[in-house]
Each structure stands twice: as structure tokens, then as C-alpha cells.
PDB file of N, CA and C in Angstrom:
ATOM      1  N   MET A   1       3.179  38.893  -0.425  1.00  0.00           N
ATOM      2  CA  MET A   1       3.586  37.650   0.377  1.00  0.00           C
ATOM      3  C   MET A   1       3.074  37.634   2.104  1.00  0.00           C
ATOM      4  N   PHE A   2       3.703  39.246   2.560  1.00  0.00           N
ATOM      5  CA  PHE A   2       3.885  38.700   4.015  1.00  0.00           C
ATOM      6  C   PHE A   2       2.682  39.471   4.873  1.00  0.00           C
ATOM      7  N   THR A   3       1.431  40.054   3.626  1.00  0.00           N
ATOM      8  CA  THR A   3       0.490  40.083   3.307  1.00  0.00           C
ATOM      9  C   THR A   3      -0.453  39.216   3.878  1.00  0.00           C
ATOM     10  N   LYS A   4      -0.747  37.935   2.428  1.00  0.00           N
ATOM     11  CA  LYS A   4      -0.620  36.840   3.348  1.00  0.00           C
ATOM     12  C   LYS A   4      -0.347  36.314   4.907  1.00  0.00           C
ATOM     13  N   ILE A   5       0.710  36.081   5.285  1.00  0.00           N
ATOM     14  CA  ILE A   5       1.229  35.264   6.303  1.00  0.00           C
ATOM     15  C   ILE A   5       0.645  36.947   7.109  1.00  0.00           C
ATOM     16  N   LYS A   6       0.694  37.842   7.436  1.00  0.00           N
ATOM     17  CA  LYS A   6       0.013  38.872   8.988  1.00  0.00           C
ATOM     18  C   LYS A   6      -1.832  38.112   8.638  1.00  0.00           C
ATOM     19  N   LYS A   7      -2.156  38.019   7.032  1.00  0.00           N
ATOM     20  CA  LYS A   7      -3.858  37.637   7.300  1.00  0.00           C
ATOM     21  C   LYS A   7      -3.771  36.691   7.939  1.00  0.00           C
ATOM     22  N   TYR A   8      -2.866  35.066   7.789  1.00  0.00           N
ATOM     23  CA  TYR A   8      -2.885  34.202   8.699  1.00  0.00           C
ATOM     24  C   TYR A   8      -2.797  34.278  10.303  1.00  0.00           C
ATOM     25  N   PHE A   9      -1.998  34.681  10.665  1.00  0.00           N
ATOM     26  CA  PHE A   9      -1.616  35.161  12.030  1.00  0.00           C
ATOM     27  C   PHE A   9      -3.124  35.784  12.402  1.00  0.00           C
ATOM     28  N   LYS A  10      -3.727  36.750  11.670  1.00  0.00           N
ATOM     29  CA  LYS A  10      -4.511  37.430  12.028  1.00  0.00           C
ATOM     30  C   LYS A  10      -6.103  36.065  12.295  1.00  0.00           C
ATOM     31  N   GLU A  11      -5.940  35.136  11.570  1.00  0.00           N
ATOM     32  CA  GLU A  11      -7.164  34.485  11.578  1.00  0.00           C
ATOM     33  C   GLU A  11      -6.497  33.264  13.090  1.00  0.00           C
ATOM     34  N   VAL A  12      -6.018  32.954  13.101  1.00  0.00           N
ATOM     35  CA  VAL A  12      -5.261  31.987  13.826  1.00  0.00           C
ATOM     36  C   VAL A  12      -5.323  32.434  15.109  1.00  0.00           C
ATOM     37  N   ILE A  13      -5.275  33.911  15.803  1.00  0.00           N
ATOM     38  CA  ILE A  13      -5.757  34.606  16.960  1.00  0.00           C
ATOM     39  C   ILE A  13      -7.240  34.725  16.825  1.00  0.00           C
ATOM     40  N   THR A  14      -7.911  35.275  16.079  1.00  0.00           N
ATOM     41  CA  THR A  14      -9.330  34.695  16.024  1.00  0.00           C
ATOM     42  C   THR A  14      -9.725  33.451  16.491  1.00  0.00           C
ATOM     43  N   GLU A  15      -9.303  32.559  15.706  1.00  0.00           N
ATOM     44  CA  GLU A  15      -9.684  31.640  15.888  1.00  0.00           C
ATOM     45  C   GLU A  15      -9.750  30.579  17.231  1.00  0.00           C
ATOM     46  N   LEU A  16      -8.827  31.359  18.438  1.00  0.00           N
ATOM     47  CA  LEU A  16      -8.139  30.986  19.445  1.00  0.00           C
ATOM     48  C   LEU A  16      -8.639  31.109  20.351  1.00  0.00           C
ATOM     49  N   LYS A  17      -8.919  32.938  20.432  1.00  0.00           N
ATOM     50  CA  LYS A  17     -10.206  33.469  21.191  1.00  0.00           C
ATOM     51  C   LYS A  17     -11.954  32.934  20.854  1.00  0.00           C
ATOM     52  N   GLN A  18     -12.003  32.131  20.039  1.00  0.00           N
ATOM     53  CA  GLN A  18     -13.757  31.575  20.398  1.00  0.00           C
ATOM     54  C   GLN A  18     -13.258  30.163  20.960  1.00  0.00           C
ATOM     55  N   THR A  19     -12.222  30.118  20.936  1.00  0.00           N
ATOM     56  CA  THR A  19     -11.726  28.601  21.320  1.00  0.00           C
ATOM     57  C   THR A  19     -12.322  28.222  23.145  1.00  0.00           C
ATOM     58  N   THR A  20     -13.174  27.488  23.554  1.00  0.00           N
ATOM     59  CA  THR A  20     -12.913  27.285  25.080  1.00  0.00           C
ATOM     60  C   THR A  20     -12.507  26.440  25.384  1.00  0.00           C
ATOM     61  N   TRP A  21     -11.474  27.212  26.571  1.00  0.00           N
ATOM     62  CA  TRP A  21     -10.824  26.082  27.178  1.00  0.00           C
ATOM     63  C   TRP A  21     -10.854  25.901  28.473  1.00  0.00           C
ATOM     64  N   PRO A  22     -10.371  24.228  28.989  1.00  0.00           N
ATOM     65  CA  PRO A  22     -11.470  23.524  29.857  1.00  0.00           C
ATOM     66  C   PRO A  22     -10.550  24.446  31.506  1.00  0.00           C
ATOM     67  N   SER A  23     -11.387  24.222  32.328  1.00  0.00           N
ATOM     68  CA  SER A  23     -11.000  24.414  33.017  1.00  0.00           C
ATOM     69  C   SER A  23      -9.742  23.792  33.815  1.00  0.00           C
ATOM     70  N   LYS A  24      -9.431  24.765  35.312  1.00  0.00           N
ATOM     71  CA  LYS A  24      -8.288  23.137  35.630  1.00  0.00           C
ATOM     72  C   LYS A  24      -8.475  22.482  36.364  1.00  0.00           C
ATOM     73  N   ASP A  25      -9.721  22.252  36.949  1.00  0.00           N
ATOM     74  CA  ASP A  25     -10.108  21.107  37.568  1.00  0.00           C
ATOM     75  C   ASP A  25     -10.588  20.189  36.402  1.00  0.00           C
ATOM     76  N   ALA A  26     -11.198  20.589  36.162  1.00  0.00           N
ATOM     77  CA  ALA A  26     -11.178  19.236  34.032  1.00  0.00           C
ATOM     78  C   ALA A  26      -9.909  19.357  33.656  1.00  0.00           C
ATOM     79  N   THR A  27      -8.774  20.332  34.146  1.00  0.00           N
ATOM     80  CA  THR A  27      -7.282  19.776  32.946  1.00  0.00           C
ATOM     81  C   THR A  27      -7.420  18.758  34.274  1.00  0.00           C
ATOM     82  N   LYS A  28      -7.005  18.808  35.793  1.00  0.00           N
ATOM     83  CA  LYS A  28      -6.012  18.094  36.255  1.00  0.00           C
ATOM     84  C   LYS A  28      -6.878  16.703  36.443  1.00  0.00           C
ATOM     85  N   ASN A  29      -8.399  16.677  36.497  1.00  0.00           N
ATOM     86  CA  ASN A  29      -8.570  15.642  36.189  1.00  0.00           C
ATOM     87  C   ASN A  29      -8.570  14.402  34.575  1.00  0.00           C
ATOM     88  N   MET A  30      -8.607  15.285  33.674  1.00  0.00           N
ATOM     89  CA  MET A  30      -8.167  14.699  31.908  1.00  0.00           C
ATOM     90  C   MET A  30      -6.782  14.381  32.450  1.00  0.00           C
ATOM     91  N   THR A  31      -6.442  14.853  33.091  1.00  0.00           N
ATOM     92  CA  THR A  31      -4.654  14.661  32.652  1.00  0.00           C
ATOM     93  C   THR A  31      -4.190  13.082  34.142  1.00  0.00           C
ATOM     94  N   LEU A  32      -5.168  13.108  35.307  1.00  0.00           N
ATOM     95  CA  LEU A  32      -4.887  11.955  35.581  1.00  0.00           C
ATOM     96  C   LEU A  32      -6.001  10.131  35.348  1.00  0.00           C
ATOM     97  N   LEU A  33      -6.760  10.964  34.640  1.00  0.00           N
ATOM     98  CA  LEU A  33      -7.923   9.378  33.808  1.00  0.00           C
ATOM     99  C   LEU A  33      -6.410   9.359  32.678  1.00  0.00           C
ATOM    100  N   VAL A  34      -5.608  10.029  32.291  1.00  0.00           N
ATOM    101  CA  VAL A  34      -4.730   9.168  30.905  1.00  0.00           C
ATOM    102  C   VAL A  34      -3.750   8.677  31.654  1.00  0.00           C
ATOM    103  N   ILE A  35      -2.881   9.375  32.304  1.00  0.00           N
ATOM    104  CA  ILE A  35      -1.896   8.141  33.469  1.00  0.00           C
ATOM    105  C   ILE A  35      -2.673   7.822  33.829  1.00  0.00           C
ATOM    106  N   VAL A  36      -3.748   6.902  34.339  1.00  0.00           N
ATOM    107  CA  VAL A  36      -4.657   5.672  34.983  1.00  0.00           C
ATOM    108  C   VAL A  36      -4.154   4.527  33.709  1.00  0.00           C
ATOM    109  N   VAL A  37      -4.801   5.297  33.360  1.00  0.00           N
ATOM    110  CA  VAL A  37      -5.812   4.429  32.199  1.00  0.00           C
ATOM    111  C   VAL A  37      -4.476   3.720  31.178  1.00  0.00           C
ATOM    112  N   ALA A  38      -3.276   5.298  30.950  1.00  0.00           N
ATOM    113  CA  ALA A  38      -1.640   4.609  31.090  1.00  0.00           C
ATOM    114  C   ALA A  38      -1.447   3.529  31.665  1.00  0.00           C
ATOM    115  N   ILE A  39      -0.890   3.531  32.615  1.00  0.00           N
ATOM    116  CA  ILE A  39      -0.664   2.854  33.758  1.00  0.00           C
ATOM    117  C   ILE A  39      -1.400   0.544  33.360  1.00  0.00           C
ATOM    118  N   LEU A  40      -2.386   1.565  33.663  1.00  0.00           N
ATOM    119  CA  LEU A  40      -3.460   0.041  34.047  1.00  0.00           C
ATOM    120  C   LEU A  40      -3.281  -0.634  32.436  1.00  0.00           C
ATOM    121  N   LEU A  41      -3.052  -0.095  31.058  1.00  0.00           N
ATOM    122  CA  LEU A  41      -3.028  -0.087  29.777  1.00  0.00           C
ATOM    123  C   LEU A  41      -1.118  -1.393  30.086  1.00  0.00           C
ATOM    124  N   ALA A  42      -0.130  -0.578  30.306  1.00  0.00           N
ATOM    125  CA  ALA A  42       1.223  -1.320  30.339  1.00  0.00           C
ATOM    126  C   ALA A  42       0.913  -2.300  31.640  1.00  0.00           C
ATOM    127  N   LEU A  43       0.643  -2.153  32.887  1.00  0.00           N
ATOM    128  CA  LEU A  43       0.342  -3.624  33.349  1.00  0.00           C
ATOM    129  C   LEU A  43      -0.471  -4.643  32.736  1.00  0.00           C
ATOM    130  N   TYR A  44      -1.717  -4.330  31.805  1.00  0.00           N
ATOM    131  CA  TYR A  44      -1.933  -5.440  31.464  1.00  0.00           C
ATOM    132  C   TYR A  44      -1.642  -6.060  29.832  1.00  0.00           C
ATOM    133  N   LEU A  45      -0.228  -5.202  29.606  1.00  0.00           N
ATOM    134  CA  LEU A  45       0.102  -5.316  28.448  1.00  0.00           C
ATOM    135  C   LEU A  45       1.411  -6.775  28.987  1.00  0.00           C
ATOM    136  N   GLY A  46       2.063  -5.771  29.734  1.00  0.00           N
ATOM    137  CA  GLY A  46       2.994  -6.869  30.474  1.00  0.00           C
ATOM    138  C   GLY A  46       2.842  -8.218  30.852  1.00  0.00           C
ATOM    139  N   GLY A  47       1.290  -8.103  32.151  1.00  0.00           N
ATOM    140  CA  GLY A  47       0.686  -9.587  31.973  1.00  0.00           C
ATOM    141  C   GLY A  47       0.993 -10.662  31.100  1.00  0.00           C
ATOM    142  N   ILE A  48      -0.137  -9.982  29.945  1.00  0.00           N
ATOM    143  CA  ILE A  48       0.367 -10.225  28.935  1.00  0.00           C
ATOM    144  C   ILE A  48       1.284 -10.961  28.666  1.00  0.00           C
ATOM    145  N   ASP A  49       2.227 -10.382  28.238  1.00  0.00           N
ATOM    146  CA  ASP A  49       4.050 -10.558  27.405  1.00  0.00           C
ATOM    147  C   ASP A  49       4.847 -11.747  28.711  1.00  0.00           C
ATOM    148  N   PHE A  50       4.189 -11.769  30.027  1.00  0.00           N
ATOM    149  CA  PHE A  50       5.081 -12.539  31.472  1.00  0.00           C
ATOM    150  C   PHE A  50       4.494 -13.597  31.133  1.00  0.00           C
ATOM    151  N   PHE A  51       2.621 -13.470  31.012  1.00  0.00           N
ATOM    152  CA  PHE A  51       2.015 -15.151  30.564  1.00  0.00           C
ATOM    153  C   PHE A  51       2.583 -15.321  28.878  1.00  0.00           C
ATOM    154  N   LEU A  52       3.109 -15.579  28.327  1.00  0.00           N
ATOM    155  CA  LEU A  52       3.226 -15.751  26.674  1.00  0.00           C
ATOM    156  C   LEU A  52       4.688 -16.398  27.016  1.00  0.00           C
ATOM    157  N   GLN A  53       5.731 -15.207  27.689  1.00  0.00           N
ATOM    158  CA  GLN A  53       7.263 -15.965  27.802  1.00  0.00           C
ATOM    159  C   GLN A  53       6.492 -17.196  28.890  1.00  0.00           C
ATOM    160  N   LYS A  54       6.044 -17.312  29.964  1.00  0.00           N
ATOM    161  CA  LYS A  54       6.285 -18.650  30.643  1.00  0.00           C
ATOM    162  C   LYS A  54       6.052 -19.085  29.906  1.00  0.00           C
ATOM    163  N   ILE A  55       5.315 -19.241  29.361  1.00  0.00           N
ATOM    164  CA  ILE A  55       4.608 -20.581  28.241  1.00  0.00           C
ATOM    165  C   ILE A  55       5.327 -20.549  26.541  1.00  0.00           C
ATOM    166  N   MET A  56       6.205 -19.800  26.032  1.00  0.00           N
ATOM    167  CA  MET A  56       7.279 -20.140  25.608  1.00  0.00           C
ATOM    168  C   MET A  56       8.563 -20.547  26.345  1.00  0.00           C
ATOM    169  N   GLU A  57       8.706 -20.204  27.504  1.00  0.00           N
ATOM    170  CA  GLU A  57       9.881 -20.978  28.310  1.00  0.00           C
ATOM    171  C   GLU A  57       9.255 -22.427  28.172  1.00  0.00           C
ATOM    172  N   ILE A  58       8.181 -23.204  28.805  1.00  0.00           N
ATOM    173  CA  ILE A  58       7.154 -24.324  28.729  1.00  0.00           C
ATOM    174  C   ILE A  58       7.391 -24.952  27.602  1.00  0.00           C
ATOM    175  N   LEU A  59       7.123 -24.245  26.503  1.00  0.00           N
ATOM    176  CA  LEU A  59       7.296 -24.955  25.362  1.00  0.00           C
ATOM    177  C   LEU A  59       8.800 -25.415  24.701  1.00  0.00           C
ATOM    178  N   ILE A  60       9.394 -24.577  24.969  1.00  0.00           N
ATOM    179  CA  ILE A  60      10.604 -24.893  24.365  1.00  0.00           C
ATOM    180  C   ILE A  60      12.126 -25.323  25.222  1.00  0.00           C
TER     181      ILE A  60
END
């Protein structure tokens, strides 16, 4: 049983060594992009919610 676990972790380490990680600048840019898109999406959905709420107030 322990030989299977040992083999598994050896394979994990081997795969991680083959992985190409993004640079710090690329990571910063992608993080900033995700934050900006999340904020824009939140504003968009918040705006739709606001207008639908106002429409419902008028109808009721």
C-alpha cells in the first residue's frame, strides 16, 4: 500500500517539474484582469437588478 502512495507522489513531483509556470508580470496582469472583469460584471448585474426593482415598484 505504501509503495503505491510513494509512487503517486513521485509522479506528482515529476509532473510539477514539467509544468511551465507564468511569470510574475503575467500573473499580476491576469489577476488584475480577473478583478476588473468581476467588478464590471457586478456593476452590470447590479444595474439590471436596480432597474428591474424600479420597474416592479412602478407595476405594484
